[in-house]
Amino acid sequence: MSWTAPDVTRTDESKSGDERTTLDGFLGWYRATLLRKCAGLSADQLALRAVPPSNLSLLGLVRHMTEVERSWFRRRLAGQDIARVYVSETTDDPALDEVGPETAQADFAAFAAEVEACRAVAARYDLDVTFVHPRAGEMSLRWIYVHMIEEYARHCGHADLLRERIDGTVGQ
């Protein structure tokens, strides 16, 4: 039996919380939205590049966001010396380029684990804490939150189109 992406419960963000609660809420909502776009699809469907010639697939987006989470929260903010999750000698972006249905279940598990690790890292810091990015200069955790919300929003838009092309499902 082929693996199928599980259903996801999504919690709405707080409408009256403080800044941290609002940022955490929106980021959590978008994380769950990406997974909702995948729910019920087989590994083969998740790996499908549904809009040629683009290399985007739903599974590739999950893998890409695993790397993005790790890069911003753990490597840059926390300064952890950890390798990339997806490494290749043949492409610069294996998270998107080297997608196959045989790794779908493991890729979803890697995403879930990374999100939990990143939540734990972010919780240890004040929004005003800064770090120095080698190209962009000084950045704050607040900036990471806003950037991550923007990144997920953009990719959830991609996921909308991919899902509709795969099986006609629209909406959130």
C-alpha atoms as a PDB file:
ATOM      1  CA  MET A   1       0.000   0.000   0.000  1.00  0.00           C
ATOM      2  CA  SER A   2       1.298   3.409  -0.955  1.00  0.00           C
ATOM      3  CA  TRP A   3       1.858   6.052   1.711  1.00  0.00           C
ATOM      4  CA  THR A   4      -0.630   8.941   1.770  1.00  0.00           C
ATOM      5  CA  ALA A   5      -0.078  12.364   3.308  1.00  0.00           C
ATOM      6  CA  PRO A   6      -2.069  12.580   6.553  1.00  0.00           C
ATOM      7  CA  ASP A   7      -4.867  15.021   7.267  1.00  0.00           C
ATOM      8  CA  VAL A   8      -3.843  18.096   9.240  1.00  0.00           C
ATOM      9  CA  THR A   9      -5.641  20.041  11.931  1.00  0.00           C
ATOM     10  CA  ARG A  10      -5.023  23.722  11.540  1.00  0.00           C
ATOM     11  CA  THR A  11      -5.531  26.164  14.408  1.00  0.00           C
ATOM     12  CA  ASP A  12      -6.459  29.739  13.596  1.00  0.00           C
ATOM     13  CA  GLU A  13      -4.083  32.411  14.779  1.00  0.00           C
ATOM     14  CA  SER A  14      -4.959  34.557  17.789  1.00  0.00           C
ATOM     15  CA  LYS A  15      -6.962  37.641  16.866  1.00  0.00           C
ATOM     16  CA  SER A  16      -6.038  39.549  20.029  1.00  0.00           C
ATOM     17  CA  GLY A  17      -2.679  38.238  21.218  1.00  0.00           C
ATOM     18  CA  ASP A  18       0.532  40.105  21.757  1.00  0.00           C
ATOM     19  CA  GLU A  19       3.115  40.387  18.993  1.00  0.00           C
ATOM     20  CA  ARG A  20       4.842  37.064  19.708  1.00  0.00           C
ATOM     21  CA  THR A  21       1.558  35.179  19.928  1.00  0.00           C
ATOM     22  CA  THR A  22       0.416  36.747  16.646  1.00  0.00           C
ATOM     23  CA  LEU A  23       3.645  35.909  14.819  1.00  0.00           C
ATOM     24  CA  ASP A  24       3.711  32.347  16.181  1.00  0.00           C
ATOM     25  CA  GLY A  25       0.048  31.948  15.263  1.00  0.00           C
ATOM     26  CA  PHE A  26       0.422  33.103  11.677  1.00  0.00           C
ATOM     27  CA  LEU A  27       3.566  31.037  11.126  1.00  0.00           C
ATOM     28  CA  GLY A  28       1.879  27.957  12.597  1.00  0.00           C
ATOM     29  CA  TRP A  29      -1.184  28.516  10.419  1.00  0.00           C
ATOM     30  CA  TYR A  30       0.912  28.672   7.260  1.00  0.00           C
ATOM     31  CA  ARG A  31       2.959  25.618   8.243  1.00  0.00           C
ATOM     32  CA  ALA A  32      -0.291  23.680   8.629  1.00  0.00           C
ATOM     33  CA  THR A  33      -1.723  25.140   5.420  1.00  0.00           C
ATOM     34  CA  LEU A  34       1.173  23.760   3.383  1.00  0.00           C
ATOM     35  CA  LEU A  35       0.556  20.313   4.862  1.00  0.00           C
ATOM     36  CA  ARG A  36      -3.213  20.622   4.273  1.00  0.00           C
ATOM     37  CA  LYS A  37      -2.503  21.172   0.594  1.00  0.00           C
ATOM     38  CA  CYS A  38      -0.809  17.757   0.610  1.00  0.00           C
ATOM     39  CA  ALA A  39      -3.345  15.862   2.740  1.00  0.00           C
ATOM     40  CA  GLY A  40      -4.838  12.769   1.157  1.00  0.00           C
ATOM     41  CA  LEU A  41      -2.429  12.636  -1.775  1.00  0.00           C
ATOM     42  CA  SER A  42      -0.295   9.611  -2.530  1.00  0.00           C
ATOM     43  CA  ALA A  43       3.484   9.793  -2.564  1.00  0.00           C
ATOM     44  CA  ASP A  44       3.365   9.678  -6.381  1.00  0.00           C
ATOM     45  CA  GLN A  45       0.982  12.629  -6.504  1.00  0.00           C
ATOM     46  CA  LEU A  46       3.076  14.613  -4.023  1.00  0.00           C
ATOM     47  CA  ALA A  47       6.187  14.146  -6.168  1.00  0.00           C
ATOM     48  CA  LEU A  48       4.387  15.115  -9.379  1.00  0.00           C
ATOM     49  CA  ARG A  49       5.624  18.245 -11.118  1.00  0.00           C
ATOM     50  CA  ALA A  50       2.142  19.312 -12.054  1.00  0.00           C
ATOM     51  CA  VAL A  51       2.949  22.524 -13.935  1.00  0.00           C
ATOM     52  CA  PRO A  52       5.699  21.847 -16.504  1.00  0.00           C
ATOM     53  CA  PRO A  53       8.318  23.072 -17.079  1.00  0.00           C
ATOM     54  CA  SER A  54       8.509  24.129 -13.418  1.00  0.00           C
ATOM     55  CA  ASN A  55      10.413  21.853 -11.044  1.00  0.00           C
ATOM     56  CA  LEU A  56       7.895  22.562  -8.258  1.00  0.00           C
ATOM     57  CA  SER A  57       6.014  19.727  -6.612  1.00  0.00           C
ATOM     58  CA  LEU A  58       4.142  19.597  -3.335  1.00  0.00           C
ATOM     59  CA  LEU A  59       6.765  17.251  -1.928  1.00  0.00           C
ATOM     60  CA  GLY A  60       9.506  19.569  -3.141  1.00  0.00           C
ATOM     61  CA  LEU A  61       7.857  22.478  -1.325  1.00  0.00           C
ATOM     62  CA  VAL A  62       7.737  20.475   1.919  1.00  0.00           C
ATOM     63  CA  ARG A  63      11.412  19.570   1.493  1.00  0.00           C
ATOM     64  CA  HIS A  64      12.323  23.179   0.613  1.00  0.00           C
ATOM     65  CA  MET A  65      10.569  24.534   3.709  1.00  0.00           C
ATOM     66  CA  THR A  66      12.382  21.965   5.844  1.00  0.00           C
ATOM     67  CA  GLU A  67      15.637  23.522   4.657  1.00  0.00           C
ATOM     68  CA  VAL A  68      14.360  27.090   5.059  1.00  0.00           C
ATOM     69  CA  GLU A  69      13.214  26.451   8.636  1.00  0.00           C
ATOM     70  CA  ARG A  70      16.554  24.859   9.533  1.00  0.00           C
ATOM     71  CA  SER A  71      18.573  27.600   7.867  1.00  0.00           C
ATOM     72  CA  TRP A  72      16.893  30.594   9.511  1.00  0.00           C
ATOM     73  CA  PHE A  73      16.080  29.371  12.982  1.00  0.00           C
ATOM     74  CA  ARG A  74      18.771  26.847  13.776  1.00  0.00           C
ATOM     75  CA  ARG A  75      21.776  27.699  11.636  1.00  0.00           C
ATOM     76  CA  ARG A  76      21.502  31.494  11.520  1.00  0.00           C
ATOM     77  CA  LEU A  77      19.631  32.517  14.676  1.00  0.00           C
ATOM     78  CA  ALA A  78      20.943  29.837  17.050  1.00  0.00           C
ATOM     79  CA  GLY A  79      24.317  29.443  15.323  1.00  0.00           C
ATOM     80  CA  GLN A  80      24.046  25.658  15.250  1.00  0.00           C
ATOM     81  CA  ASP A  81      26.670  23.971  13.098  1.00  0.00           C
ATOM     82  CA  ILE A  82      24.343  21.515  11.350  1.00  0.00           C
ATOM     83  CA  ALA A  83      24.356  20.273   7.790  1.00  0.00           C
ATOM     84  CA  ARG A  84      21.642  20.741   5.229  1.00  0.00           C
ATOM     85  CA  VAL A  85      18.978  18.051   5.186  1.00  0.00           C
ATOM     86  CA  TYR A  86      19.109  17.557   1.408  1.00  0.00           C
ATOM     87  CA  VAL A  87      22.548  17.440  -0.180  1.00  0.00           C
ATOM     88  CA  SER A  88      23.547  16.668  -3.746  1.00  0.00           C
ATOM     89  CA  GLU A  89      26.603  16.787  -5.928  1.00  0.00           C
ATOM     90  CA  THR A  90      24.533  17.309  -9.080  1.00  0.00           C
ATOM     91  CA  THR A  91      22.238  20.241  -8.239  1.00  0.00           C
ATOM     92  CA  ASP A  92      22.248  23.364  -6.098  1.00  0.00           C
ATOM     93  CA  ASP A  93      18.694  22.753  -4.851  1.00  0.00           C
ATOM     94  CA  PRO A  94      18.154  19.046  -4.194  1.00  0.00           C
ATOM     95  CA  ALA A  95      15.129  19.793  -2.003  1.00  0.00           C
ATOM     96  CA  LEU A  96      13.250  20.796  -5.150  1.00  0.00           C
ATOM     97  CA  ASP A  97      15.204  19.014  -7.874  1.00  0.00           C
ATOM     98  CA  GLU A  98      15.695  15.500  -6.491  1.00  0.00           C
ATOM     99  CA  VAL A  99      12.172  14.600  -5.424  1.00  0.00           C
ATOM    100  CA  GLY A 100      10.847  11.058  -5.524  1.00  0.00           C
ATOM    101  CA  PRO A 101       7.809   9.314  -4.065  1.00  0.00           C
ATOM    102  CA  GLU A 102       9.983   6.761  -2.273  1.00  0.00           C
ATOM    103  CA  THR A 103      11.088   9.399   0.262  1.00  0.00           C
ATOM    104  CA  ALA A 104       7.737  11.137   0.825  1.00  0.00           C
ATOM    105  CA  GLN A 105       6.976   9.673   4.246  1.00  0.00           C
ATOM    106  CA  ALA A 106      10.516  10.352   5.495  1.00  0.00           C
ATOM    107  CA  ASP A 107      10.417  13.875   4.028  1.00  0.00           C
ATOM    108  CA  PHE A 108       7.196  14.649   5.903  1.00  0.00           C
ATOM    109  CA  ALA A 109       8.736  13.294   9.106  1.00  0.00           C
ATOM    110  CA  ALA A 110      11.833  15.454   8.540  1.00  0.00           C
ATOM    111  CA  PHE A 111       9.614  18.516   8.073  1.00  0.00           C
ATOM    112  CA  ALA A 112       7.676  17.815  11.280  1.00  0.00           C
ATOM    113  CA  ALA A 113      10.873  17.260  13.263  1.00  0.00           C
ATOM    114  CA  GLU A 114      12.452  20.422  11.882  1.00  0.00           C
ATOM    115  CA  VAL A 115       9.403  22.546  12.683  1.00  0.00           C
ATOM    116  CA  GLU A 116       9.425  21.274  16.269  1.00  0.00           C
ATOM    117  CA  ALA A 117      13.158  21.948  16.612  1.00  0.00           C
ATOM    118  CA  CYS A 118      12.713  25.440  15.194  1.00  0.00           C
ATOM    119  CA  ARG A 119       9.784  26.214  17.492  1.00  0.00           C
ATOM    120  CA  ALA A 120      11.956  25.227  20.447  1.00  0.00           C
ATOM    121  CA  VAL A 121      14.839  27.400  19.236  1.00  0.00           C
ATOM    122  CA  ALA A 122      12.637  30.440  18.609  1.00  0.00           C
ATOM    123  CA  ALA A 123      11.029  30.123  22.046  1.00  0.00           C
ATOM    124  CA  ARG A 124      14.427  30.637  23.688  1.00  0.00           C
ATOM    125  CA  TYR A 125      14.919  34.100  22.172  1.00  0.00           C
ATOM    126  CA  ASP A 126      13.354  37.512  22.475  1.00  0.00           C
ATOM    127  CA  LEU A 127      12.011  38.974  19.205  1.00  0.00           C
ATOM    128  CA  ASP A 128      14.626  41.736  19.416  1.00  0.00           C
ATOM    129  CA  VAL A 129      17.624  39.386  19.528  1.00  0.00           C
ATOM    130  CA  THR A 130      19.907  39.882  16.539  1.00  0.00           C
ATOM    131  CA  PHE A 131      22.516  37.960  14.614  1.00  0.00           C
ATOM    132  CA  VAL A 132      24.724  38.909  11.702  1.00  0.00           C
ATOM    133  CA  HIS A 133      23.986  37.425   8.307  1.00  0.00           C
ATOM    134  CA  PRO A 134      27.136  37.321   6.136  1.00  0.00           C
ATOM    135  CA  ARG A 135      25.493  39.120   3.198  1.00  0.00           C
ATOM    136  CA  ALA A 136      22.526  40.993   4.701  1.00  0.00           C
ATOM    137  CA  GLY A 137      24.050  42.253   7.942  1.00  0.00           C
ATOM    138  CA  GLU A 138      22.267  42.480  11.281  1.00  0.00           C
ATOM    139  CA  MET A 139      18.868  40.774  11.454  1.00  0.00           C
ATOM    140  CA  SER A 140      16.395  40.053  14.242  1.00  0.00           C
ATOM    141  CA  LEU A 141      14.221  37.115  15.185  1.00  0.00           C
ATOM    142  CA  ARG A 142      11.254  39.402  14.454  1.00  0.00           C
ATOM    143  CA  TRP A 143      12.523  39.712  10.872  1.00  0.00           C
ATOM    144  CA  ILE A 144      12.825  35.908  10.611  1.00  0.00           C
ATOM    145  CA  TYR A 145       9.195  35.504  11.644  1.00  0.00           C
ATOM    146  CA  VAL A 146       7.975  38.024   9.082  1.00  0.00           C
ATOM    147  CA  HIS A 147      10.181  36.500   6.381  1.00  0.00           C
ATOM    148  CA  MET A 148       9.009  32.968   7.175  1.00  0.00           C
ATOM    149  CA  ILE A 149       5.347  34.040   7.041  1.00  0.00           C
ATOM    150  CA  GLU A 150       6.017  35.647   3.654  1.00  0.00           C
ATOM    151  CA  GLU A 151       7.890  32.584   2.396  1.00  0.00           C
ATOM    152  CA  TYR A 152       5.124  30.210   3.454  1.00  0.00           C
ATOM    153  CA  ALA A 153       2.430  32.488   2.024  1.00  0.00           C
ATOM    154  CA  ARG A 154       4.182  32.520  -1.352  1.00  0.00           C
ATOM    155  CA  HIS A 155       4.704  28.769  -1.387  1.00  0.00           C
ATOM    156  CA  CYS A 156       1.171  28.057  -0.186  1.00  0.00           C
ATOM    157  CA  GLY A 157       0.043  29.963  -3.291  1.00  0.00           C
ATOM    158  CA  HIS A 158       2.193  27.628  -5.370  1.00  0.00           C
ATOM    159  CA  ALA A 159       0.701  24.692  -3.473  1.00  0.00           C
ATOM    160  CA  ASP A 160      -2.829  25.912  -4.308  1.00  0.00           C
ATOM    161  CA  LEU A 161      -2.066  25.728  -8.016  1.00  0.00           C
ATOM    162  CA  LEU A 162      -0.236  22.410  -7.780  1.00  0.00           C
ATOM    163  CA  ARG A 163      -3.045  20.764  -5.820  1.00  0.00           C
ATOM    164  CA  GLU A 164      -5.707  22.034  -8.184  1.00  0.00           C
ATOM    165  CA  ARG A 165      -3.742  20.708 -11.143  1.00  0.00           C
ATOM    166  CA  ILE A 166      -3.246  17.299  -9.484  1.00  0.00           C
ATOM    167  CA  ASP A 167      -6.819  16.506  -8.459  1.00  0.00           C
ATOM    168  CA  GLY A 168      -8.984  19.609  -8.831  1.00  0.00           C
ATOM    169  CA  THR A 169      -9.078  20.391  -5.102  1.00  0.00           C
ATOM    170  CA  VAL A 170      -9.319  24.123  -4.394  1.00  0.00           C
ATOM    171  CA  GLY A 171      -9.617  26.169  -1.219  1.00  0.00           C
ATOM    172  CA  GLN A 172      -7.927  25.851   2.105  1.00  0.00           C
END
